[in-house]
């Protein structure tokens, strides 16, 4: 079982958010993500019923790099501009082709408010 990495995220409201992660084996070799999907949710608290933000391979906010073991998170500027919350918690899960789920990362997420706007 893989222990989730601690990942603190900071989103700048009104700016494009990009973050690249790399999943490596204990001997520093990339984990093959071919055929996998990924999902991530941000919630105000772990117990909160509603997600504040969702990223997934299905909605285009997560891209997996196959044999390179990369996980790219992407949130467009329009979406970050519409954020009305200041922080929360998240986790990032990889779903393998056979259905096994690995929690790759978990942690907090904060939003830096935008000053320059229309």
C-alpha atoms as a PDB file:
ATOM      1  CA  UNK A   1       0.000   0.000   0.000  1.00  0.00           C
ATOM      2  CA  UNK A   2       1.326   3.406  -0.973  1.00  0.00           C
ATOM      3  CA  UNK A   3       1.309   6.101   1.707  1.00  0.00           C
ATOM      4  CA  UNK A   4      -0.253   9.274   0.247  1.00  0.00           C
ATOM      5  CA  UNK A   5       2.126  12.180  -0.271  1.00  0.00           C
ATOM      6  CA  UNK A   6       1.344  15.349   1.669  1.00  0.00           C
ATOM      7  CA  UNK A   7       0.516  18.014  -0.904  1.00  0.00           C
ATOM      8  CA  UNK A   8      -0.293  21.611  -0.014  1.00  0.00           C
ATOM      9  CA  UNK A   9      -1.953  23.457  -2.893  1.00  0.00           C
ATOM     10  CA  UNK A  10      -2.256  27.217  -3.353  1.00  0.00           C
ATOM     11  CA  UNK A  11      -4.621  28.480  -6.031  1.00  0.00           C
ATOM     12  CA  UNK A  12      -4.303  32.078  -7.179  1.00  0.00           C
ATOM     13  CA  UNK A  13      -7.822  33.326  -7.894  1.00  0.00           C
ATOM     14  CA  UNK A  14      -8.173  34.532 -11.502  1.00  0.00           C
ATOM     15  CA  UNK A  15      -4.958  32.814 -12.667  1.00  0.00           C
ATOM     16  CA  UNK A  16      -4.470  29.512 -14.455  1.00  0.00           C
ATOM     17  CA  UNK A  17      -3.449  26.803 -11.989  1.00  0.00           C
ATOM     18  CA  UNK A  18      -0.962  24.168 -13.195  1.00  0.00           C
ATOM     19  CA  UNK A  19       0.819  21.580 -11.105  1.00  0.00           C
ATOM     20  CA  UNK A  20       2.780  18.547 -12.285  1.00  0.00           C
ATOM     21  CA  UNK A  21       3.308  15.592  -9.982  1.00  0.00           C
ATOM     22  CA  UNK A  22       5.381  12.519 -10.688  1.00  0.00           C
ATOM     23  CA  UNK A  23       4.634   9.135  -9.172  1.00  0.00           C
ATOM     24  CA  UNK A  24       7.823   7.157  -8.637  1.00  0.00           C
ATOM     25  CA  UNK A  25       8.490   3.676  -7.283  1.00  0.00           C
ATOM     26  CA  UNK A  26      10.764   3.231  -4.222  1.00  0.00           C
ATOM     27  CA  UNK A  27      13.701   2.779  -6.638  1.00  0.00           C
ATOM     28  CA  UNK A  28      12.816   6.133  -8.304  1.00  0.00           C
ATOM     29  CA  UNK A  29      11.322   4.649 -11.499  1.00  0.00           C
ATOM     30  CA  UNK A  30       8.105   6.206 -12.903  1.00  0.00           C
ATOM     31  CA  UNK A  31       4.897   4.287 -12.192  1.00  0.00           C
ATOM     32  CA  UNK A  32       3.103   3.437 -15.460  1.00  0.00           C
ATOM     33  CA  UNK A  33      -0.294   5.163 -15.481  1.00  0.00           C
ATOM     34  CA  UNK A  34      -1.355   3.835 -18.890  1.00  0.00           C
ATOM     35  CA  UNK A  35      -5.071   2.993 -18.799  1.00  0.00           C
ATOM     36  CA  UNK A  36      -5.605   4.684 -15.429  1.00  0.00           C
ATOM     37  CA  UNK A  37      -7.996   7.506 -14.594  1.00  0.00           C
ATOM     38  CA  UNK A  38      -7.665  10.070 -11.805  1.00  0.00           C
ATOM     39  CA  UNK A  39      -9.970  12.102  -9.620  1.00  0.00           C
ATOM     40  CA  UNK A  40      -9.549  14.819  -7.035  1.00  0.00           C
ATOM     41  CA  UNK A  41     -11.992  16.764  -4.901  1.00  0.00           C
ATOM     42  CA  UNK A  42     -11.592  19.809  -2.682  1.00  0.00           C
ATOM     43  CA  UNK A  43     -14.033  20.108   0.228  1.00  0.00           C
ATOM     44  CA  UNK A  44     -14.301  22.656   3.022  1.00  0.00           C
ATOM     45  CA  UNK A  45     -13.730  19.846   5.547  1.00  0.00           C
ATOM     46  CA  UNK A  46     -13.318  16.081   5.201  1.00  0.00           C
ATOM     47  CA  UNK A  47     -16.892  15.604   6.477  1.00  0.00           C
ATOM     48  CA  UNK A  48     -18.449  18.170   4.081  1.00  0.00           C
ATOM     49  CA  UNK A  49     -21.048  16.664   1.753  1.00  0.00           C
ATOM     50  CA  UNK A  50     -20.489  19.059  -1.155  1.00  0.00           C
ATOM     51  CA  UNK A  51     -17.275  19.313  -3.159  1.00  0.00           C
ATOM     52  CA  UNK A  52     -16.003  22.864  -3.726  1.00  0.00           C
ATOM     53  CA  UNK A  53     -13.948  21.848  -6.763  1.00  0.00           C
ATOM     54  CA  UNK A  54     -13.569  18.656  -8.793  1.00  0.00           C
ATOM     55  CA  UNK A  55     -10.711  17.654 -11.046  1.00  0.00           C
ATOM     56  CA  UNK A  56     -10.656  14.436 -13.050  1.00  0.00           C
ATOM     57  CA  UNK A  57      -9.377  12.889 -16.229  1.00  0.00           C
ATOM     58  CA  UNK A  58     -13.029  12.888 -17.351  1.00  0.00           C
ATOM     59  CA  UNK A  59     -13.489  16.675 -16.988  1.00  0.00           C
ATOM     60  CA  UNK A  60     -10.057  17.477 -18.452  1.00  0.00           C
ATOM     61  CA  UNK A  61      -8.608  18.977 -15.289  1.00  0.00           C
ATOM     62  CA  UNK A  62      -6.231  16.035 -14.791  1.00  0.00           C
ATOM     63  CA  UNK A  63      -3.980  14.577 -17.493  1.00  0.00           C
ATOM     64  CA  UNK A  64      -1.976  11.411 -16.923  1.00  0.00           C
ATOM     65  CA  UNK A  65       1.397  10.903 -18.605  1.00  0.00           C
ATOM     66  CA  UNK A  66       1.326   7.131 -19.116  1.00  0.00           C
ATOM     67  CA  UNK A  67       4.763   5.539 -18.743  1.00  0.00           C
ATOM     68  CA  UNK A  68       6.294   8.854 -17.562  1.00  0.00           C
ATOM     69  CA  UNK A  69       4.245   8.598 -14.349  1.00  0.00           C
ATOM     70  CA  UNK A  70       3.172  12.242 -14.496  1.00  0.00           C
ATOM     71  CA  UNK A  71      -0.076  13.671 -13.173  1.00  0.00           C
ATOM     72  CA  UNK A  72      -0.886  17.165 -14.442  1.00  0.00           C
ATOM     73  CA  UNK A  73      -3.479  19.249 -12.600  1.00  0.00           C
ATOM     74  CA  UNK A  74      -5.014  22.124 -14.578  1.00  0.00           C
ATOM     75  CA  UNK A  75      -7.675  24.660 -13.616  1.00  0.00           C
ATOM     76  CA  UNK A  76      -8.423  27.432 -16.110  1.00  0.00           C
ATOM     77  CA  UNK A  77      -8.399  31.106 -15.086  1.00  0.00           C
ATOM     78  CA  UNK A  78     -12.174  31.456 -15.495  1.00  0.00           C
ATOM     79  CA  UNK A  79     -12.777  28.678 -12.993  1.00  0.00           C
ATOM     80  CA  UNK A  80     -10.304  30.049 -10.448  1.00  0.00           C
ATOM     81  CA  UNK A  81     -11.807  33.547 -10.850  1.00  0.00           C
ATOM     82  CA  UNK A  82     -15.215  32.151  -9.853  1.00  0.00           C
ATOM     83  CA  UNK A  83     -13.929  30.602  -6.606  1.00  0.00           C
ATOM     84  CA  UNK A  84     -15.721  32.100  -3.587  1.00  0.00           C
ATOM     85  CA  UNK A  85     -14.145  29.966  -0.854  1.00  0.00           C
ATOM     86  CA  UNK A  86     -10.793  30.497   0.853  1.00  0.00           C
ATOM     87  CA  UNK A  87      -9.573  26.993   1.612  1.00  0.00           C
ATOM     88  CA  UNK A  88     -10.253  23.352   2.183  1.00  0.00           C
ATOM     89  CA  UNK A  89      -8.863  19.833   2.079  1.00  0.00           C
ATOM     90  CA  UNK A  90      -8.252  17.533  -0.878  1.00  0.00           C
ATOM     91  CA  UNK A  91      -7.127  14.134  -1.944  1.00  0.00           C
ATOM     92  CA  UNK A  92      -6.017  12.763  -5.300  1.00  0.00           C
ATOM     93  CA  UNK A  93      -6.861   9.209  -6.326  1.00  0.00           C
ATOM     94  CA  UNK A  94      -5.612   7.067  -9.192  1.00  0.00           C
ATOM     95  CA  UNK A  95      -8.025   4.416 -10.477  1.00  0.00           C
ATOM     96  CA  UNK A  96      -6.190   1.509 -12.112  1.00  0.00           C
ATOM     97  CA  UNK A  97      -7.658  -0.420 -15.073  1.00  0.00           C
ATOM     98  CA  UNK A  98      -8.609  -3.355 -12.810  1.00  0.00           C
ATOM     99  CA  UNK A  99     -10.547  -1.043 -10.453  1.00  0.00           C
ATOM    100  CA  UNK A 100      -7.932  -0.747  -7.687  1.00  0.00           C
ATOM    101  CA  UNK A 101      -7.818   2.770  -6.219  1.00  0.00           C
ATOM    102  CA  UNK A 102      -4.621   4.362  -4.888  1.00  0.00           C
ATOM    103  CA  UNK A 103      -4.682   7.603  -2.925  1.00  0.00           C
ATOM    104  CA  UNK A 104      -1.645   9.349  -4.352  1.00  0.00           C
ATOM    105  CA  UNK A 105      -1.780  12.610  -2.378  1.00  0.00           C
ATOM    106  CA  UNK A 106      -3.744  14.483   0.257  1.00  0.00           C
ATOM    107  CA  UNK A 107      -3.527  17.797   2.038  1.00  0.00           C
ATOM    108  CA  UNK A 108      -4.845  21.311   2.259  1.00  0.00           C
ATOM    109  CA  UNK A 109      -5.763  23.824  -0.399  1.00  0.00           C
ATOM    110  CA  UNK A 110      -5.873  27.587  -0.002  1.00  0.00           C
ATOM    111  CA  UNK A 111      -6.943  30.383  -2.325  1.00  0.00           C
ATOM    112  CA  UNK A 112      -5.116  33.689  -2.673  1.00  0.00           C
ATOM    113  CA  UNK A 113      -7.749  36.339  -3.541  1.00  0.00           C
ATOM    114  CA  UNK A 114      -7.398  38.226  -6.812  1.00  0.00           C
ATOM    115  CA  UNK A 115      -6.850  41.978  -6.577  1.00  0.00           C
ATOM    116  CA  UNK A 116      -6.629  42.851 -10.302  1.00  0.00           C
ATOM    117  CA  UNK A 117      -9.986  42.152 -11.987  1.00  0.00           C
ATOM    118  CA  UNK A 118     -12.493  43.608 -14.418  1.00  0.00           C
END
